[in-house]
């Protein structure tokens, strides 16, 4: 009992020392920029796009990025405000610096948009739209829609399939 009380006092004392040192940052912390201050808008957008452990773009300069988020579709240009967004299944569009638009099917992920012109997008799956066959996607979509109507173990899996395949099929039809 005595050793436990001694131990807890020692731990508290050590934590207090580390907290004091942690607050030293506040003395030298950067001050806020005035709301009326002139802020330089970045002239370019640098995109880092990954799927699992593979880079599709690594700080590549692009003109714009269009993403599907939980809050709706969003376009990102240089100077965009800071945001972190959850990506929903759909199509991600990247306009390269040459003006070419590349489209990718995305199953979900996160986008981290910085005010300095950097955009980091992490996805679970990100596949070029050109690698899909519309007929095969529509066949898989029809199968998933039928399975989603049936109660049972496969219903949830089928509903997820429908939520991923519907925007993919729509994008392939419009391409």
N, C-alpha and C. Protein backbone atom coordinates (compact mmCIF):
# COMPACT_ATOMS: atom_id res chain seq x y z
N UNK A 1 0.83 -1.20 0.00
CA UNK A 1 0.00 0.00 0.00
C UNK A 1 0.87 1.25 0.00
N UNK A 2 1.90 1.25 0.85
CA UNK A 2 2.78 2.41 0.93
C UNK A 2 3.51 2.65 -0.40
N UNK A 3 3.98 1.57 -1.02
CA UNK A 3 4.73 1.71 -2.26
C UNK A 3 3.83 2.22 -3.39
N UNK A 4 2.56 1.83 -3.38
CA UNK A 4 1.64 2.30 -4.40
C UNK A 4 1.44 3.82 -4.28
N UNK A 5 1.27 4.33 -3.08
CA UNK A 5 1.10 5.76 -2.87
C UNK A 5 2.36 6.52 -3.28
N UNK A 6 3.53 5.98 -2.96
CA UNK A 6 4.79 6.60 -3.34
C UNK A 6 4.93 6.63 -4.86
N UNK A 7 4.57 5.51 -5.49
CA UNK A 7 4.64 5.41 -6.95
C UNK A 7 3.74 6.45 -7.62
N UNK A 8 2.50 6.58 -7.13
CA UNK A 8 1.57 7.52 -7.76
C UNK A 8 2.05 8.96 -7.59
N UNK A 9 2.67 9.30 -6.42
CA UNK A 9 3.20 10.66 -6.24
C UNK A 9 4.36 10.91 -7.19
N UNK A 10 5.19 9.90 -7.43
CA UNK A 10 6.33 10.05 -8.32
C UNK A 10 5.85 10.26 -9.76
N UNK A 11 4.86 9.49 -10.18
CA UNK A 11 4.34 9.62 -11.53
C UNK A 11 3.71 10.99 -11.72
N UNK A 12 2.93 11.46 -10.77
CA UNK A 12 2.30 12.77 -10.86
C UNK A 12 3.36 13.85 -10.95
N UNK A 13 4.41 13.74 -10.16
CA UNK A 13 5.48 14.74 -10.18
C UNK A 13 6.18 14.74 -11.54
N UNK A 14 6.42 13.59 -12.11
CA UNK A 14 7.07 13.51 -13.43
C UNK A 14 6.15 14.07 -14.50
N UNK A 15 4.84 13.79 -14.43
CA UNK A 15 3.91 14.33 -15.41
C UNK A 15 3.85 15.84 -15.31
N UNK A 16 3.89 16.37 -14.11
CA UNK A 16 3.84 17.82 -13.92
C UNK A 16 5.05 18.48 -14.57
N UNK A 17 6.23 17.89 -14.43
CA UNK A 17 7.42 18.44 -15.06
C UNK A 17 7.28 18.44 -16.58
N UNK A 18 6.74 17.36 -17.14
CA UNK A 18 6.60 17.31 -18.59
C UNK A 18 5.55 18.29 -19.08
N UNK A 19 4.51 18.54 -18.29
CA UNK A 19 3.50 19.51 -18.69
C UNK A 19 4.07 20.92 -18.71
N UNK A 20 4.88 21.24 -17.74
CA UNK A 20 5.49 22.57 -17.71
C UNK A 20 6.34 22.76 -18.96
N UNK A 21 7.14 21.75 -19.30
CA UNK A 21 7.97 21.85 -20.49
C UNK A 21 7.13 21.93 -21.76
N UNK A 22 5.99 21.24 -21.77
CA UNK A 22 5.12 21.27 -22.93
C UNK A 22 4.53 22.65 -23.18
N UNK A 23 4.34 23.43 -22.13
CA UNK A 23 3.76 24.77 -22.29
C UNK A 23 4.80 25.80 -22.71
N UNK A 24 6.07 25.44 -22.75
CA UNK A 24 7.09 26.37 -23.24
C UNK A 24 6.82 26.76 -24.68
N UNK A 25 6.17 25.87 -25.44
CA UNK A 25 5.84 26.17 -26.83
C UNK A 25 4.97 27.42 -26.92
N UNK A 26 4.08 27.61 -25.96
CA UNK A 26 3.16 28.74 -26.00
C UNK A 26 3.90 30.08 -25.97
N UNK A 27 5.07 30.11 -25.37
CA UNK A 27 5.84 31.36 -25.30
C UNK A 27 6.35 31.77 -26.67
N UNK A 28 6.65 30.79 -27.51
CA UNK A 28 7.21 31.09 -28.82
C UNK A 28 6.26 30.72 -29.95
N UNK A 29 5.01 30.43 -29.66
CA UNK A 29 4.05 30.02 -30.68
C UNK A 29 3.82 31.16 -31.67
N UNK A 30 3.62 30.83 -32.94
CA UNK A 30 3.35 31.88 -33.91
C UNK A 30 2.04 32.58 -33.59
N UNK A 31 2.00 33.89 -33.82
CA UNK A 31 0.77 34.63 -33.56
C UNK A 31 -0.15 34.51 -34.78
N UNK A 32 -1.40 34.71 -34.56
CA UNK A 32 -2.37 34.62 -35.65
C UNK A 32 -2.15 35.75 -36.64
N UNK A 33 -2.47 35.47 -37.89
CA UNK A 33 -2.39 36.48 -38.94
C UNK A 33 -3.67 37.28 -38.90
N UNK A 34 -3.55 38.57 -39.03
CA UNK A 34 -4.71 39.45 -39.03
C UNK A 34 -5.64 39.06 -40.18
N UNK A 35 -6.93 39.19 -39.94
CA UNK A 35 -7.91 38.82 -40.97
C UNK A 35 -7.82 39.74 -42.18
N UNK A 36 -7.28 40.94 -42.00
CA UNK A 36 -7.15 41.88 -43.11
C UNK A 36 -5.78 41.82 -43.77
N UNK A 37 -4.91 40.92 -43.31
CA UNK A 37 -3.56 40.82 -43.87
C UNK A 37 -3.61 40.27 -45.29
N UNK A 38 -2.67 40.74 -46.12
CA UNK A 38 -2.55 40.20 -47.47
C UNK A 38 -1.92 38.82 -47.39
N UNK A 39 -2.59 37.85 -47.99
CA UNK A 39 -2.09 36.48 -47.99
C UNK A 39 -1.84 36.08 -49.43
N UNK A 40 -0.69 35.50 -49.69
CA UNK A 40 -0.35 35.09 -51.05
C UNK A 40 -1.05 33.78 -51.38
N UNK A 41 -1.82 33.78 -52.45
CA UNK A 41 -2.51 32.58 -52.90
C UNK A 41 -1.53 31.77 -53.74
N UNK A 42 -1.39 30.49 -53.45
CA UNK A 42 -0.46 29.67 -54.23
C UNK A 42 -0.86 29.65 -55.70
N UNK A 43 0.14 29.61 -56.58
CA UNK A 43 -0.13 29.64 -58.01
C UNK A 43 -0.33 28.24 -58.59
N UNK A 44 0.01 27.23 -57.83
CA UNK A 44 -0.14 25.87 -58.34
C UNK A 44 -0.68 24.94 -57.26
N UNK A 45 -1.21 23.83 -57.71
CA UNK A 45 -1.77 22.82 -56.82
C UNK A 45 -0.88 21.58 -56.94
N UNK A 46 -0.40 21.07 -55.80
CA UNK A 46 0.44 19.87 -55.80
C UNK A 46 -0.37 18.72 -55.23
N UNK A 47 -0.56 17.69 -56.04
CA UNK A 47 -1.39 16.56 -55.67
C UNK A 47 -0.54 15.34 -55.32
N UNK A 48 -0.84 14.78 -54.17
CA UNK A 48 -0.29 13.47 -53.80
C UNK A 48 -1.49 12.54 -53.66
N UNK A 49 -1.57 11.57 -54.56
CA UNK A 49 -2.69 10.63 -54.60
C UNK A 49 -2.14 9.23 -54.39
N UNK A 50 -2.64 8.57 -53.35
CA UNK A 50 -2.16 7.21 -53.06
C UNK A 50 -3.33 6.25 -52.98
N UNK A 51 -3.04 5.01 -53.32
CA UNK A 51 -3.98 3.92 -53.06
C UNK A 51 -3.20 2.88 -52.28
N UNK A 52 -3.69 2.61 -51.11
CA UNK A 52 -3.04 1.71 -50.17
C UNK A 52 -1.58 2.11 -50.00
N UNK A 53 -0.62 1.43 -50.58
CA UNK A 53 0.78 1.79 -50.38
C UNK A 53 1.47 2.17 -51.69
N UNK A 54 0.71 2.68 -52.66
CA UNK A 54 1.24 3.01 -53.97
C UNK A 54 0.91 4.46 -54.34
N UNK A 55 1.89 5.19 -54.84
CA UNK A 55 1.67 6.56 -55.29
C UNK A 55 1.18 6.57 -56.74
N UNK A 56 0.07 7.27 -56.99
CA UNK A 56 -0.37 7.52 -58.35
C UNK A 56 0.12 8.89 -58.80
N UNK A 57 0.13 9.84 -57.88
CA UNK A 57 0.72 11.16 -58.08
C UNK A 57 1.54 11.45 -56.82
N UNK A 58 2.74 11.93 -56.98
CA UNK A 58 3.59 12.26 -55.83
C UNK A 58 3.99 13.72 -55.94
N UNK A 59 3.24 14.59 -55.27
CA UNK A 59 3.46 16.04 -55.31
C UNK A 59 3.53 16.55 -56.74
N UNK A 60 2.65 16.03 -57.58
CA UNK A 60 2.59 16.43 -58.98
C UNK A 60 1.80 17.73 -59.11
N UNK A 61 2.29 18.63 -59.94
CA UNK A 61 1.60 19.89 -60.18
C UNK A 61 0.41 19.63 -61.11
N UNK A 62 -0.79 20.01 -60.66
CA UNK A 62 -2.02 19.84 -61.44
C UNK A 62 -2.80 21.15 -61.42
N UNK A 63 -3.76 21.27 -62.33
CA UNK A 63 -4.61 22.47 -62.37
C UNK A 63 -5.74 22.40 -61.35
N UNK A 64 -6.40 21.23 -61.28
CA UNK A 64 -7.54 21.09 -60.36
C UNK A 64 -7.80 19.63 -60.06
N UNK A 65 -8.59 19.41 -59.01
CA UNK A 65 -9.02 18.08 -58.60
C UNK A 65 -10.49 18.16 -58.23
N UNK A 66 -11.30 17.23 -58.70
CA UNK A 66 -12.71 17.13 -58.34
C UNK A 66 -12.92 15.83 -57.59
N UNK A 67 -13.53 15.92 -56.41
CA UNK A 67 -13.73 14.75 -55.56
C UNK A 67 -15.18 14.65 -55.11
N UNK A 68 -15.60 13.43 -54.78
CA UNK A 68 -16.92 13.19 -54.19
C UNK A 68 -16.71 13.02 -52.69
N UNK A 69 -17.35 13.87 -51.91
CA UNK A 69 -17.20 13.80 -50.46
C UNK A 69 -18.54 13.47 -49.82
N UNK A 70 -18.50 13.25 -48.53
CA UNK A 70 -19.73 13.00 -47.78
C UNK A 70 -20.66 14.21 -47.82
N UNK A 71 -20.11 15.39 -48.11
CA UNK A 71 -20.90 16.63 -48.19
C UNK A 71 -21.28 17.00 -49.62
N UNK A 72 -20.95 16.15 -50.58
CA UNK A 72 -21.25 16.44 -51.98
C UNK A 72 -19.99 16.53 -52.81
N UNK A 73 -20.15 16.93 -54.06
CA UNK A 73 -19.00 17.06 -54.96
C UNK A 73 -18.23 18.33 -54.62
N UNK A 74 -16.92 18.26 -54.76
CA UNK A 74 -16.08 19.40 -54.43
C UNK A 74 -14.96 19.55 -55.45
N UNK A 75 -14.75 20.77 -55.90
CA UNK A 75 -13.63 21.09 -56.77
C UNK A 75 -12.55 21.78 -55.96
N UNK A 76 -11.30 21.45 -56.24
CA UNK A 76 -10.18 22.03 -55.51
C UNK A 76 -9.25 22.72 -56.50
N UNK A 77 -9.00 24.01 -56.25
CA UNK A 77 -8.08 24.82 -57.04
C UNK A 77 -7.02 25.39 -56.10
N UNK A 78 -5.93 25.95 -56.65
CA UNK A 78 -4.94 26.59 -55.78
C UNK A 78 -5.60 27.66 -54.91
N UNK A 79 -5.21 27.72 -53.64
CA UNK A 79 -5.78 28.70 -52.72
C UNK A 79 -7.03 28.24 -52.02
N UNK A 80 -7.40 26.97 -52.17
CA UNK A 80 -8.59 26.44 -51.50
C UNK A 80 -8.39 26.50 -50.00
N UNK A 81 -9.48 26.70 -49.27
CA UNK A 81 -9.39 26.73 -47.81
C UNK A 81 -9.01 25.37 -47.26
N UNK A 82 -8.51 25.35 -46.04
CA UNK A 82 -8.09 24.12 -45.38
C UNK A 82 -9.31 23.25 -45.08
N UNK A 83 -9.22 21.99 -45.48
CA UNK A 83 -10.31 21.05 -45.20
C UNK A 83 -9.78 19.63 -45.13
N UNK A 84 -10.47 18.82 -44.38
CA UNK A 84 -10.28 17.38 -44.38
C UNK A 84 -11.64 16.79 -44.71
N UNK A 85 -11.69 15.99 -45.77
CA UNK A 85 -12.96 15.45 -46.24
C UNK A 85 -12.90 13.94 -46.37
N UNK A 86 -14.00 13.30 -46.03
CA UNK A 86 -14.16 11.86 -46.26
C UNK A 86 -14.65 11.67 -47.69
N UNK A 87 -13.96 10.82 -48.44
CA UNK A 87 -14.37 10.54 -49.81
C UNK A 87 -15.42 9.44 -49.84
N UNK A 88 -16.36 9.58 -50.74
CA UNK A 88 -17.39 8.56 -50.94
C UNK A 88 -17.12 7.87 -52.28
N UNK A 89 -17.70 6.71 -52.50
CA UNK A 89 -17.49 6.03 -53.79
C UNK A 89 -17.93 6.93 -54.94
N UNK A 90 -17.12 6.95 -55.96
CA UNK A 90 -17.42 7.77 -57.13
C UNK A 90 -16.20 7.98 -57.98
N UNK A 91 -16.22 9.04 -58.75
CA UNK A 91 -15.14 9.32 -59.68
C UNK A 91 -14.34 10.53 -59.20
N UNK A 92 -13.04 10.37 -59.20
CA UNK A 92 -12.11 11.45 -58.87
C UNK A 92 -11.53 11.94 -60.19
N UNK A 93 -11.60 13.24 -60.43
CA UNK A 93 -11.08 13.81 -61.67
C UNK A 93 -9.88 14.68 -61.37
N UNK A 94 -8.81 14.48 -62.15
CA UNK A 94 -7.59 15.28 -62.00
C UNK A 94 -7.32 15.95 -63.33
N UNK A 95 -7.25 17.29 -63.33
CA UNK A 95 -6.86 18.01 -64.53
C UNK A 95 -5.37 18.30 -64.42
N UNK A 96 -4.59 17.68 -65.28
CA UNK A 96 -3.14 17.82 -65.21
C UNK A 96 -2.72 19.21 -65.68
N UNK A 97 -1.46 19.53 -65.48
CA UNK A 97 -0.97 20.85 -65.88
C UNK A 97 -1.01 21.05 -67.39
N UNK A 98 -1.07 19.94 -68.16
CA UNK A 98 -1.18 20.02 -69.63
C UNK A 98 -2.63 20.19 -70.08
N UNK A 99 -3.59 20.13 -69.15
CA UNK A 99 -5.00 20.30 -69.48
C UNK A 99 -5.74 18.99 -69.71
N UNK A 100 -5.06 17.86 -69.62
CA UNK A 100 -5.68 16.55 -69.79
C UNK A 100 -6.42 16.16 -68.51
N UNK A 101 -7.64 15.65 -68.64
CA UNK A 101 -8.43 15.23 -67.48
C UNK A 101 -8.31 13.72 -67.34
N UNK A 102 -7.82 13.28 -66.19
CA UNK A 102 -7.71 11.86 -65.88
C UNK A 102 -8.78 11.52 -64.85
N UNK A 103 -9.50 10.44 -65.08
CA UNK A 103 -10.58 10.04 -64.18
C UNK A 103 -10.25 8.70 -63.54
N UNK A 104 -10.59 8.61 -62.24
CA UNK A 104 -10.32 7.41 -61.46
C UNK A 104 -11.57 7.00 -60.69
N UNK A 105 -11.83 5.70 -60.63
CA UNK A 105 -12.90 5.18 -59.79
C UNK A 105 -12.33 5.01 -58.39
N UNK A 106 -13.01 5.61 -57.40
CA UNK A 106 -12.55 5.59 -56.02
C UNK A 106 -13.61 4.94 -55.15
N UNK A 107 -13.19 4.02 -54.28
CA UNK A 107 -14.15 3.36 -53.40
C UNK A 107 -14.33 4.11 -52.08
N UNK A 108 -13.46 5.04 -51.79
CA UNK A 108 -13.53 5.82 -50.55
C UNK A 108 -12.14 6.23 -50.12
N UNK A 109 -12.07 7.01 -49.07
CA UNK A 109 -10.78 7.47 -48.57
C UNK A 109 -10.92 8.81 -47.89
N UNK A 110 -9.80 9.56 -47.86
CA UNK A 110 -9.78 10.87 -47.23
C UNK A 110 -8.97 11.84 -48.08
N UNK A 111 -9.39 13.10 -48.07
CA UNK A 111 -8.67 14.17 -48.74
C UNK A 111 -8.28 15.20 -47.71
N UNK A 112 -7.02 15.59 -47.73
CA UNK A 112 -6.48 16.60 -46.83
C UNK A 112 -6.03 17.77 -47.70
N UNK A 113 -6.76 18.87 -47.64
CA UNK A 113 -6.52 20.03 -48.49
C UNK A 113 -5.88 21.12 -47.63
N UNK A 114 -4.68 21.55 -48.03
CA UNK A 114 -3.95 22.58 -47.28
C UNK A 114 -4.02 23.92 -48.00
N UNK A 115 -3.89 24.98 -47.26
CA UNK A 115 -3.94 26.32 -47.84
C UNK A 115 -2.69 26.66 -48.63
N UNK A 116 -1.62 25.88 -48.48
CA UNK A 116 -0.38 26.16 -49.21
C UNK A 116 -0.36 25.54 -50.60
N UNK A 117 -1.48 24.98 -51.05
CA UNK A 117 -1.56 24.42 -52.39
C UNK A 117 -1.29 22.93 -52.46
N UNK A 118 -1.13 22.27 -51.34
CA UNK A 118 -0.91 20.82 -51.33
C UNK A 118 -2.22 20.09 -51.04
N UNK A 119 -2.47 19.05 -51.81
CA UNK A 119 -3.65 18.21 -51.61
C UNK A 119 -3.17 16.77 -51.48
N UNK A 120 -3.47 16.13 -50.36
CA UNK A 120 -3.11 14.74 -50.13
C UNK A 120 -4.40 13.92 -50.12
N UNK A 121 -4.48 12.94 -51.01
CA UNK A 121 -5.67 12.09 -51.08
C UNK A 121 -5.22 10.65 -50.90
N UNK A 122 -5.79 9.99 -49.88
CA UNK A 122 -5.51 8.59 -49.62
C UNK A 122 -6.79 7.79 -49.91
N UNK A 123 -6.64 6.77 -50.73
CA UNK A 123 -7.80 5.96 -51.10
C UNK A 123 -7.52 4.49 -50.83
N UNK A 124 -8.59 3.72 -50.65
CA UNK A 124 -8.45 2.27 -50.53
C UNK A 124 -8.26 1.69 -51.92
N UNK A 125 -9.10 2.09 -52.85
CA UNK A 125 -9.01 1.67 -54.24
C UNK A 125 -9.14 2.89 -55.13
N UNK A 126 -8.26 3.01 -56.10
CA UNK A 126 -8.28 4.12 -57.04
C UNK A 126 -7.79 3.57 -58.38
N UNK A 127 -8.74 3.32 -59.28
CA UNK A 127 -8.44 2.64 -60.53
C UNK A 127 -8.81 3.55 -61.69
N UNK A 128 -7.93 3.68 -62.70
CA UNK A 128 -8.27 4.52 -63.86
C UNK A 128 -9.57 4.06 -64.50
N UNK A 129 -10.41 5.01 -64.83
CA UNK A 129 -11.72 4.71 -65.42
C UNK A 129 -11.57 3.97 -66.75
N UNK A 130 -10.49 4.23 -67.45
CA UNK A 130 -10.27 3.62 -68.76
C UNK A 130 -10.06 2.10 -68.68
N UNK A 131 -9.79 1.58 -67.49
CA UNK A 131 -9.55 0.14 -67.37
C UNK A 131 -10.84 -0.66 -67.11
N UNK A 132 -12.01 0.00 -67.13
CA UNK A 132 -13.28 -0.67 -66.90
C UNK A 132 -14.04 -0.86 -68.20
N UNK A 133 -14.82 -1.93 -68.26
CA UNK A 133 -15.71 -2.21 -69.38
C UNK A 133 -17.14 -1.93 -68.92
N UNK A 134 -17.85 -1.05 -69.61
CA UNK A 134 -19.20 -0.65 -69.21
C UNK A 134 -20.14 -1.85 -69.11
N UNK A 135 -20.08 -2.76 -70.07
CA UNK A 135 -20.99 -3.91 -70.05
C UNK A 135 -20.75 -4.78 -68.82
N UNK A 136 -19.49 -5.00 -68.47
CA UNK A 136 -19.17 -5.82 -67.30
C UNK A 136 -19.61 -5.13 -66.01
N UNK A 137 -19.43 -3.81 -65.93
CA UNK A 137 -19.84 -3.07 -64.74
C UNK A 137 -21.37 -3.11 -64.59
N UNK A 138 -22.10 -2.92 -65.68
CA UNK A 138 -23.56 -2.96 -65.62
C UNK A 138 -24.06 -4.36 -65.23
N UNK A 139 -23.39 -5.39 -65.69
CA UNK A 139 -23.76 -6.76 -65.31
C UNK A 139 -23.55 -6.96 -63.80
N UNK A 140 -22.40 -6.54 -63.28
CA UNK A 140 -22.11 -6.65 -61.84
C UNK A 140 -23.10 -5.83 -61.02
N UNK A 141 -23.45 -4.64 -61.53
CA UNK A 141 -24.41 -3.77 -60.84
C UNK A 141 -25.78 -4.45 -60.76
N UNK A 142 -26.23 -5.04 -61.85
CA UNK A 142 -27.52 -5.73 -61.86
C UNK A 142 -27.52 -6.89 -60.86
N UNK A 143 -26.45 -7.63 -60.81
CA UNK A 143 -26.32 -8.75 -59.86
C UNK A 143 -26.37 -8.23 -58.43
N UNK A 144 -25.62 -7.16 -58.15
CA UNK A 144 -25.59 -6.60 -56.79
C UNK A 144 -26.96 -6.06 -56.39
N UNK A 145 -27.67 -5.42 -57.33
CA UNK A 145 -29.00 -4.89 -57.03
C UNK A 145 -29.97 -6.02 -56.69
N UNK A 146 -29.88 -7.13 -57.39
CA UNK A 146 -30.75 -8.29 -57.10
C UNK A 146 -30.42 -8.87 -55.73
N UNK A 147 -29.14 -9.00 -55.42
CA UNK A 147 -28.72 -9.56 -54.13
C UNK A 147 -29.08 -8.63 -52.97
N UNK A 148 -29.11 -7.33 -53.23
CA UNK A 148 -29.45 -6.36 -52.18
C UNK A 148 -30.93 -6.45 -51.79
N UNK A 149 -31.77 -6.99 -52.66
CA UNK A 149 -33.20 -7.13 -52.37
C UNK A 149 -33.49 -8.33 -51.49
N UNK A 150 -32.57 -9.28 -51.43
CA UNK A 150 -32.77 -10.53 -50.69
C UNK A 150 -32.20 -10.39 -49.29
N UNK A 151 -33.01 -10.75 -48.30
CA UNK A 151 -32.53 -10.73 -46.91
C UNK A 151 -31.52 -11.85 -46.72
N UNK A 152 -30.51 -11.57 -45.88
CA UNK A 152 -29.53 -12.61 -45.59
C UNK A 152 -28.15 -12.03 -45.39
N UNK A 153 -27.17 -12.93 -45.33
CA UNK A 153 -25.80 -12.53 -45.05
C UNK A 153 -25.19 -11.66 -46.15
N UNK A 154 -25.57 -11.87 -47.37
CA UNK A 154 -24.97 -11.14 -48.49
C UNK A 154 -25.59 -9.79 -48.77
N UNK A 155 -26.65 -9.43 -48.04
CA UNK A 155 -27.37 -8.17 -48.31
C UNK A 155 -26.47 -6.95 -48.12
N UNK A 156 -25.74 -6.90 -47.03
CA UNK A 156 -24.89 -5.73 -46.76
C UNK A 156 -23.78 -5.62 -47.80
N UNK A 157 -23.17 -6.74 -48.12
CA UNK A 157 -22.11 -6.75 -49.14
C UNK A 157 -22.67 -6.27 -50.49
N UNK A 158 -23.86 -6.70 -50.82
CA UNK A 158 -24.49 -6.30 -52.08
C UNK A 158 -24.82 -4.81 -52.08
N UNK A 159 -25.28 -4.27 -50.94
CA UNK A 159 -25.58 -2.84 -50.85
C UNK A 159 -24.31 -2.01 -51.02
N UNK A 160 -23.21 -2.47 -50.46
CA UNK A 160 -21.93 -1.78 -50.65
C UNK A 160 -21.53 -1.83 -52.12
N UNK A 161 -21.73 -2.99 -52.74
CA UNK A 161 -21.43 -3.13 -54.17
C UNK A 161 -22.24 -2.17 -55.01
N UNK A 162 -23.51 -2.03 -54.69
CA UNK A 162 -24.38 -1.10 -55.42
C UNK A 162 -23.88 0.34 -55.25
N UNK A 163 -23.50 0.71 -54.01
CA UNK A 163 -23.05 2.09 -53.76
C UNK A 163 -21.75 2.41 -54.48
N UNK A 164 -20.94 1.41 -54.77
CA UNK A 164 -19.69 1.62 -55.50
C UNK A 164 -19.92 1.55 -57.01
N UNK A 165 -20.75 0.60 -57.45
CA UNK A 165 -20.93 0.37 -58.89
C UNK A 165 -21.84 1.38 -59.57
N UNK A 166 -22.82 1.93 -58.86
CA UNK A 166 -23.73 2.91 -59.49
C UNK A 166 -22.98 4.14 -60.01
N UNK A 167 -22.18 4.84 -59.17
CA UNK A 167 -21.46 6.00 -59.72
C UNK A 167 -20.45 5.62 -60.79
N UNK A 168 -19.88 4.43 -60.69
CA UNK A 168 -18.93 3.98 -61.70
C UNK A 168 -19.63 3.79 -63.04
N UNK A 169 -20.77 3.11 -63.03
CA UNK A 169 -21.52 2.91 -64.28
C UNK A 169 -21.98 4.24 -64.86
N UNK A 170 -22.45 5.13 -64.00
CA UNK A 170 -22.89 6.46 -64.47
C UNK A 170 -21.75 7.21 -65.14
N UNK A 171 -20.57 7.15 -64.55
CA UNK A 171 -19.40 7.84 -65.12
C UNK A 171 -18.98 7.23 -66.43
N UNK A 172 -19.04 5.91 -66.54
CA UNK A 172 -18.67 5.25 -67.79
C UNK A 172 -19.67 5.56 -68.89
N UNK A 173 -20.95 5.69 -68.55
CA UNK A 173 -21.97 6.04 -69.55
C UNK A 173 -21.75 7.46 -70.09
N UNK A 174 -21.34 8.36 -69.21
CA UNK A 174 -21.16 9.76 -69.63
C UNK A 174 -19.81 10.02 -70.30
N UNK A 175 -18.90 9.07 -70.21
CA UNK A 175 -17.55 9.26 -70.79
C UNK A 175 -17.53 9.07 -72.28
